[in-house]
PDB file of N, CA and C in Angstrom:
ATOM      1  N   UNK A   1       0.825  -1.185   0.034  1.00  0.00           N
ATOM      2  CA  UNK A   1      -0.024  -0.007  -0.022  1.00  0.00           C
ATOM      3  C   UNK A   1       0.858   1.253   0.002  1.00  0.00           C
ATOM      4  N   UNK A   2       1.878   1.262   0.754  1.00  0.00           N
ATOM      5  CA  UNK A   2       2.755   2.521   0.825  1.00  0.00           C
ATOM      6  C   UNK A   2       3.491   2.706  -0.392  1.00  0.00           C
ATOM      7  N   UNK A   3       3.876   1.747  -1.145  1.00  0.00           N
ATOM      8  CA  UNK A   3       4.450   1.906  -2.381  1.00  0.00           C
ATOM      9  C   UNK A   3       3.510   2.543  -3.493  1.00  0.00           C
ATOM     10  N   UNK A   4       2.287   2.122  -3.448  1.00  0.00           N
ATOM     11  CA  UNK A   4       1.254   2.695  -4.301  1.00  0.00           C
ATOM     12  C   UNK A   4       1.090   4.161  -3.959  1.00  0.00           C
ATOM     13  N   UNK A   5       0.894   4.480  -2.787  1.00  0.00           N
ATOM     14  CA  UNK A   5       0.684   5.799  -2.268  1.00  0.00           C
ATOM     15  C   UNK A   5       1.843   6.759  -2.663  1.00  0.00           C
ATOM     16  N   UNK A   6       3.061   6.161  -2.500  1.00  0.00           N
ATOM     17  CA  UNK A   6       4.265   6.888  -2.810  1.00  0.00           C
ATOM     18  C   UNK A   6       4.338   7.245  -4.284  1.00  0.00           C
ATOM     19  N   UNK A   7       3.909   6.372  -5.124  1.00  0.00           N
ATOM     20  CA  UNK A   7       3.808   6.746  -6.581  1.00  0.00           C
ATOM     21  C   UNK A   7       2.709   7.630  -6.854  1.00  0.00           C
ATOM     22  N   UNK A   8       1.587   7.456  -6.227  1.00  0.00           N
ATOM     23  CA  UNK A   8       0.388   8.262  -6.487  1.00  0.00           C
ATOM     24  C   UNK A   8       0.609   9.770  -6.090  1.00  0.00           C
ATOM     25  N   UNK A   9       1.256   9.974  -5.006  1.00  0.00           N
ATOM     26  CA  UNK A   9       1.535  11.328  -4.510  1.00  0.00           C
ATOM     27  C   UNK A   9       2.836  11.884  -5.186  1.00  0.00           C
ATOM     28  N   UNK A  10       3.624  11.048  -5.836  1.00  0.00           N
ATOM     29  CA  UNK A  10       4.789  11.544  -6.430  1.00  0.00           C
ATOM     30  C   UNK A  10       5.967  11.822  -5.473  1.00  0.00           C
ATOM     31  N   UNK A  11       5.919  11.009  -4.426  1.00  0.00           N
ATOM     32  CA  UNK A  11       7.002  11.170  -3.356  1.00  0.00           C
ATOM     33  C   UNK A  11       8.276  10.512  -3.882  1.00  0.00           C
ATOM     34  N   UNK A  12       9.285  11.241  -3.924  1.00  0.00           N
ATOM     35  CA  UNK A  12      10.670  10.742  -4.263  1.00  0.00           C
ATOM     36  C   UNK A  12      11.748  11.266  -3.380  1.00  0.00           C
ATOM     37  N   UNK A  13      12.811  10.577  -3.397  1.00  0.00           N
ATOM     38  CA  UNK A  13      13.993  11.094  -2.669  1.00  0.00           C
ATOM     39  C   UNK A  13      13.914  10.985  -1.119  1.00  0.00           C
ATOM     40  N   UNK A  14      12.793  10.459  -0.486  1.00  0.00           N
ATOM     41  CA  UNK A  14      12.750  10.271   0.983  1.00  0.00           C
ATOM     42  C   UNK A  14      12.141   8.912   1.244  1.00  0.00           C
ATOM     43  N   UNK A  15      12.397   8.386   2.396  1.00  0.00           N
ATOM     44  CA  UNK A  15      11.851   7.124   2.837  1.00  0.00           C
ATOM     45  C   UNK A  15      10.426   7.315   3.156  1.00  0.00           C
ATOM     46  N   UNK A  16       9.503   6.477   2.701  1.00  0.00           N
ATOM     47  CA  UNK A  16       8.048   6.531   2.824  1.00  0.00           C
ATOM     48  C   UNK A  16       7.693   5.186   3.299  1.00  0.00           C
ATOM     49  N   UNK A  17       7.465   4.966   4.558  1.00  0.00           N
ATOM     50  CA  UNK A  17       7.084   3.649   5.154  1.00  0.00           C
ATOM     51  C   UNK A  17       6.342   3.922   6.466  1.00  0.00           C
ATOM     52  N   UNK A  18       5.753   2.859   7.067  1.00  0.00           N
ATOM     53  CA  UNK A  18       5.123   2.977   8.278  1.00  0.00           C
ATOM     54  C   UNK A  18       6.118   3.358   9.386  1.00  0.00           C
ATOM     55  N   UNK A  19       7.411   2.874   9.303  1.00  0.00           N
ATOM     56  CA  UNK A  19       8.301   3.181  10.272  1.00  0.00           C
ATOM     57  C   UNK A  19       8.646   4.689  10.269  1.00  0.00           C
ATOM     58  N   UNK A  20       8.660   5.248   9.011  1.00  0.00           N
ATOM     59  CA  UNK A  20       8.976   6.667   8.896  1.00  0.00           C
ATOM     60  C   UNK A  20       7.824   7.588   9.634  1.00  0.00           C
ATOM     61  N   UNK A  21       6.518   7.062   9.516  1.00  0.00           N
ATOM     62  CA  UNK A  21       5.428   7.840  10.152  1.00  0.00           C
ATOM     63  C   UNK A  21       5.580   7.648  11.708  1.00  0.00           C
ATOM     64  N   UNK A  22       6.032   6.488  12.135  1.00  0.00           N
ATOM     65  CA  UNK A  22       6.220   6.250  13.630  1.00  0.00           C
ATOM     66  C   UNK A  22       7.331   7.153  14.101  1.00  0.00           C
ATOM     67  N   UNK A  23       8.443   7.145  13.339  1.00  0.00           N
ATOM     68  CA  UNK A  23       9.528   8.018  13.816  1.00  0.00           C
ATOM     69  C   UNK A  23       9.130   9.483  13.831  1.00  0.00           C
ATOM     70  N   UNK A  24       8.450   9.924  12.812  1.00  0.00           N
ATOM     71  CA  UNK A  24       8.007  11.310  12.772  1.00  0.00           C
ATOM     72  C   UNK A  24       7.055  11.678  13.918  1.00  0.00           C
ATOM     73  N   UNK A  25       6.164  10.784  14.197  1.00  0.00           N
ATOM     74  CA  UNK A  25       5.298  10.980  15.335  1.00  0.00           C
ATOM     75  C   UNK A  25       6.094  11.137  16.637  1.00  0.00           C
ATOM     76  N   UNK A  26       7.027  10.266  16.812  1.00  0.00           N
ATOM     77  CA  UNK A  26       7.823  10.230  18.049  1.00  0.00           C
ATOM     78  C   UNK A  26       8.635  11.485  18.213  1.00  0.00           C
ATOM     79  N   UNK A  27       9.289  12.014  17.172  1.00  0.00           N
ATOM     80  CA  UNK A  27      10.131  13.145  17.305  1.00  0.00           C
ATOM     81  C   UNK A  27       9.158  14.426  17.508  1.00  0.00           C
ATOM     82  N   UNK A  28       7.979  14.550  16.758  1.00  0.00           N
ATOM     83  CA  UNK A  28       7.056  15.564  16.904  1.00  0.00           C
ATOM     84  C   UNK A  28       6.526  15.674  18.345  1.00  0.00           C
ATOM     85  N   UNK A  29       6.165  14.460  18.824  1.00  0.00           N
ATOM     86  CA  UNK A  29       5.602  14.322  20.236  1.00  0.00           C
ATOM     87  C   UNK A  29       6.608  14.897  21.233  1.00  0.00           C
ATOM     88  N   UNK A  30       7.918  14.616  21.093  1.00  0.00           N
ATOM     89  CA  UNK A  30       8.890  15.164  22.000  1.00  0.00           C
ATOM     90  C   UNK A  30       9.107  16.652  21.823  1.00  0.00           C
ATOM     91  N   UNK A  31       9.155  17.096  20.599  1.00  0.00           N
ATOM     92  CA  UNK A  31       9.333  18.533  20.208  1.00  0.00           C
ATOM     93  C   UNK A  31       8.194  19.350  20.852  1.00  0.00           C
ATOM     94  N   UNK A  32       7.070  18.803  20.897  1.00  0.00           N
ATOM     95  CA  UNK A  32       5.889  19.447  21.486  1.00  0.00           C
ATOM     96  C   UNK A  32       5.708  19.435  22.908  1.00  0.00           C
ATOM     97  N   UNK A  33       6.737  18.896  23.587  1.00  0.00           N
ATOM     98  CA  UNK A  33       6.747  18.799  25.074  1.00  0.00           C
ATOM     99  C   UNK A  33       6.224  17.535  25.661  1.00  0.00           C
ATOM    100  N   UNK A  34       5.955  16.464  24.865  1.00  0.00           N
ATOM    101  CA  UNK A  34       5.544  15.185  25.417  1.00  0.00           C
ATOM    102  C   UNK A  34       6.491  14.535  26.348  1.00  0.00           C
ATOM    103  N   UNK A  35       6.176  13.665  27.205  1.00  0.00           N
ATOM    104  CA  UNK A  35       6.991  13.030  28.124  1.00  0.00           C
ATOM    105  C   UNK A  35       7.628  11.827  27.492  1.00  0.00           C
ATOM    106  N   UNK A  36       8.905  11.629  27.557  1.00  0.00           N
ATOM    107  CA  UNK A  36       9.630  10.534  27.037  1.00  0.00           C
ATOM    108  C   UNK A  36       9.191   9.278  27.706  1.00  0.00           C
ATOM    109  N   UNK A  37       8.625   9.254  28.943  1.00  0.00           N
ATOM    110  CA  UNK A  37       8.119   8.103  29.586  1.00  0.00           C
ATOM    111  C   UNK A  37       6.800   7.696  28.965  1.00  0.00           C
ATOM    112  N   UNK A  38       5.996   8.593  28.638  1.00  0.00           N
ATOM    113  CA  UNK A  38       4.666   8.309  27.942  1.00  0.00           C
ATOM    114  C   UNK A  38       4.939   7.936  26.567  1.00  0.00           C
ATOM    115  N   UNK A  39       5.826   8.508  25.865  1.00  0.00           N
ATOM    116  CA  UNK A  39       6.241   8.021  24.533  1.00  0.00           C
ATOM    117  C   UNK A  39       6.599   6.581  24.576  1.00  0.00           C
ATOM    118  N   UNK A  40       7.493   6.231  25.498  1.00  0.00           N
ATOM    119  CA  UNK A  40       7.974   4.845  25.622  1.00  0.00           C
ATOM    120  C   UNK A  40       6.706   3.895  25.707  1.00  0.00           C
ATOM    121  N   UNK A  41       5.745   4.218  26.429  1.00  0.00           N
ATOM    122  CA  UNK A  41       4.536   3.399  26.554  1.00  0.00           C
ATOM    123  C   UNK A  41       3.716   3.377  25.137  1.00  0.00           C
ATOM    124  N   UNK A  42       3.601   4.575  24.564  1.00  0.00           N
ATOM    125  CA  UNK A  42       2.811   4.684  23.339  1.00  0.00           C
ATOM    126  C   UNK A  42       3.458   3.827  22.244  1.00  0.00           C
ATOM    127  N   UNK A  43       4.828   3.894  22.152  1.00  0.00           N
ATOM    128  CA  UNK A  43       5.578   3.108  21.131  1.00  0.00           C
ATOM    129  C   UNK A  43       5.705   1.625  21.553  1.00  0.00           C
ATOM    130  N   UNK A  44       5.400   1.281  22.767  1.00  0.00           N
ATOM    131  CA  UNK A  44       5.491  -0.131  23.173  1.00  0.00           C
ATOM    132  C   UNK A  44       6.896  -0.518  23.442  1.00  0.00           C
ATOM    133  N   UNK A  45       7.866   0.374  23.668  1.00  0.00           N
ATOM    134  CA  UNK A  45       9.192  -0.048  23.985  1.00  0.00           C
ATOM    135  C   UNK A  45       9.373  -0.520  25.386  1.00  0.00           C
ATOM    136  N   UNK A  46      10.115  -1.492  25.633  1.00  0.00           N
ATOM    137  CA  UNK A  46      10.362  -2.036  26.913  1.00  0.00           C
ATOM    138  C   UNK A  46      11.357  -1.245  27.796  1.00  0.00           C
ATOM    139  N   UNK A  47      12.230  -0.504  26.990  1.00  0.00           N
ATOM    140  CA  UNK A  47      13.339   0.241  27.652  1.00  0.00           C
ATOM    141  C   UNK A  47      13.389   1.661  27.132  1.00  0.00           C
ATOM    142  N   UNK A  48      13.810   2.506  27.887  1.00  0.00           N
ATOM    143  CA  UNK A  48      14.110   4.001  27.429  1.00  0.00           C
ATOM    144  C   UNK A  48      15.161   4.027  26.404  1.00  0.00           C
ATOM    145  N   UNK A  49      16.093   3.053  26.532  1.00  0.00           N
ATOM    146  CA  UNK A  49      17.290   3.105  25.567  1.00  0.00           C
ATOM    147  C   UNK A  49      16.634   2.931  24.216  1.00  0.00           C
ATOM    148  N   UNK A  50      15.775   2.108  23.995  1.00  0.00           N
ATOM    149  CA  UNK A  50      15.117   1.903  22.582  1.00  0.00           C
ATOM    150  C   UNK A  50      14.400   3.197  22.167  1.00  0.00           C
ATOM    151  N   UNK A  51      13.742   3.850  23.034  1.00  0.00           N
ATOM    152  CA  UNK A  51      13.012   5.077  22.711  1.00  0.00           C
ATOM    153  C   UNK A  51      14.055   6.131  22.339  1.00  0.00           C
ATOM    154  N   UNK A  52      15.163   6.229  23.050  1.00  0.00           N
ATOM    155  CA  UNK A  52      16.184   7.157  22.781  1.00  0.00           C
ATOM    156  C   UNK A  52      16.791   6.959  21.421  1.00  0.00           C
ATOM    157  N   UNK A  53      17.023   5.737  21.066  1.00  0.00           N
ATOM    158  CA  UNK A  53      17.601   5.421  19.797  1.00  0.00           C
ATOM    159  C   UNK A  53      16.669   5.685  18.634  1.00  0.00           C
ATOM    160  N   UNK A  54      15.410   5.584  18.885  1.00  0.00           N
ATOM    161  CA  UNK A  54      14.361   5.767  17.905  1.00  0.00           C
ATOM    162  C   UNK A  54      14.161   7.236  17.636  1.00  0.00           C
ATOM    163  N   UNK A  55      14.544   8.130  18.565  1.00  0.00           N
ATOM    164  CA  UNK A  55      14.099   9.506  18.465  1.00  0.00           C
ATOM    165  C   UNK A  55      15.264  10.511  18.354  1.00  0.00           C
ATOM    166  N   UNK A  56      16.387  10.050  17.703  1.00  0.00           N
ATOM    167  CA  UNK A  56      17.500  10.908  17.595  1.00  0.00           C
ATOM    168  C   UNK A  56      17.075  12.459  17.373  1.00  0.00           C
ATOM    169  N   UNK A  57      17.228  13.202  18.394  1.00  0.00           N
ATOM    170  CA  UNK A  57      16.894  14.605  18.281  1.00  0.00           C
ATOM    171  C   UNK A  57      18.039  15.408  17.690  1.00  0.00           C
ATOM    172  N   UNK A  58      17.795  16.403  17.028  1.00  0.00           N
ATOM    173  CA  UNK A  58      18.918  17.241  16.452  1.00  0.00           C
ATOM    174  C   UNK A  58      19.429  18.265  17.435  1.00  0.00           C
ATOM    175  N   UNK A  59      20.503  18.794  17.141  1.00  0.00           N
ATOM    176  CA  UNK A  59      21.160  19.858  18.065  1.00  0.00           C
ATOM    177  C   UNK A  59      20.182  21.012  18.204  1.00  0.00           C
ATOM    178  N   UNK A  60      19.405  21.454  17.215  1.00  0.00           N
ATOM    179  CA  UNK A  60      18.527  22.508  17.442  1.00  0.00           C
ATOM    180  C   UNK A  60      17.460  22.182  18.406  1.00  0.00           C
ATOM    181  N   UNK A  61      16.998  21.000  18.500  1.00  0.00           N
ATOM    182  CA  UNK A  61      15.970  20.625  19.498  1.00  0.00           C
ATOM    183  C   UNK A  61      16.517  20.781  20.929  1.00  0.00           C
ATOM    184  N   UNK A  62      17.847  20.362  21.051  1.00  0.00           N
ATOM    185  CA  UNK A  62      18.423  20.421  22.391  1.00  0.00           C
ATOM    186  C   UNK A  62      18.708  21.849  22.761  1.00  0.00           C
ATOM    187  N   UNK A  63      19.157  22.619  21.836  1.00  0.00           N
ATOM    188  CA  UNK A  63      19.337  24.012  22.122  1.00  0.00           C
ATOM    189  C   UNK A  63      17.962  24.785  22.446  1.00  0.00           C
ATOM    190  N   UNK A  64      17.004  24.403  21.791  1.00  0.00           N
ATOM    191  CA  UNK A  64      15.626  25.060  22.225  1.00  0.00           C
ATOM    192  C   UNK A  64      15.214  24.694  23.564  1.00  0.00           C
ATOM    193  N   UNK A  65      15.378  23.446  24.014  1.00  0.00           N
ATOM    194  CA  UNK A  65      15.014  23.123  25.333  1.00  0.00           C
ATOM    195  C   UNK A  65      15.903  23.785  26.287  1.00  0.00           C
ATOM    196  N   UNK A  66      17.185  23.775  26.029  1.00  0.00           N
ATOM    197  CA  UNK A  66      18.168  24.466  27.025  1.00  0.00           C
ATOM    198  C   UNK A  66      17.861  25.904  27.164  1.00  0.00           C
ATOM    199  N   UNK A  67      17.569  26.599  25.982  1.00  0.00           N
ATOM    200  CA  UNK A  67      17.272  28.007  26.182  1.00  0.00           C
ATOM    201  C   UNK A  67      16.024  28.302  26.960  1.00  0.00           C
ATOM    202  N   UNK A  68      15.045  27.318  26.839  1.00  0.00           N
ATOM    203  CA  UNK A  68      13.697  27.516  27.479  1.00  0.00           C
ATOM    204  C   UNK A  68      13.883  27.304  28.956  1.00  0.00           C
ATOM    205  N   UNK A  69      14.741  26.314  29.346  1.00  0.00           N
ATOM    206  CA  UNK A  69      14.748  25.951  30.711  1.00  0.00           C
ATOM    207  C   UNK A  69      15.904  26.442  31.500  1.00  0.00           C
ATOM    208  N   UNK A  70      16.977  26.998  30.838  1.00  0.00           N
ATOM    209  CA  UNK A  70      18.143  27.376  31.432  1.00  0.00           C
ATOM    210  C   UNK A  70      17.890  28.587  32.432  1.00  0.00           C
ATOM    211  N   UNK A  71      18.480  28.556  33.600  1.00  0.00           N
ATOM    212  CA  UNK A  71      18.402  29.692  34.556  1.00  0.00           C
ATOM    213  C   UNK A  71      19.191  30.918  33.989  1.00  0.00           C
ATOM    214  N   UNK A  72      20.247  30.596  33.100  1.00  0.00           N
ATOM    215  CA  UNK A  72      20.995  31.754  32.609  1.00  0.00           C
ATOM    216  C   UNK A  72      20.414  32.464  31.372  1.00  0.00           C
ATOM    217  N   UNK A  73      19.402  31.885  30.896  1.00  0.00           N
ATOM    218  CA  UNK A  73      18.683  32.552  29.663  1.00  0.00           C
ATOM    219  C   UNK A  73      17.766  33.689  30.118  1.00  0.00           C
TER     220      UNK A  73
END
């Protein structure tokens, strides 16, 4: 089904799969302030290590959180 939709929508040059949607959800959830512990349960991971590997956040994400929460900002 995903390959048909990929062709139908003319999606090229990016990975288009159920895993991609799952990964995108996970990163978006964290960027919007969701709890990593809740995300672990939502994704069905048995360990936080798996959730961490799944959600590689970019430097910009970490800088945004730091500037929001830092006492020096």
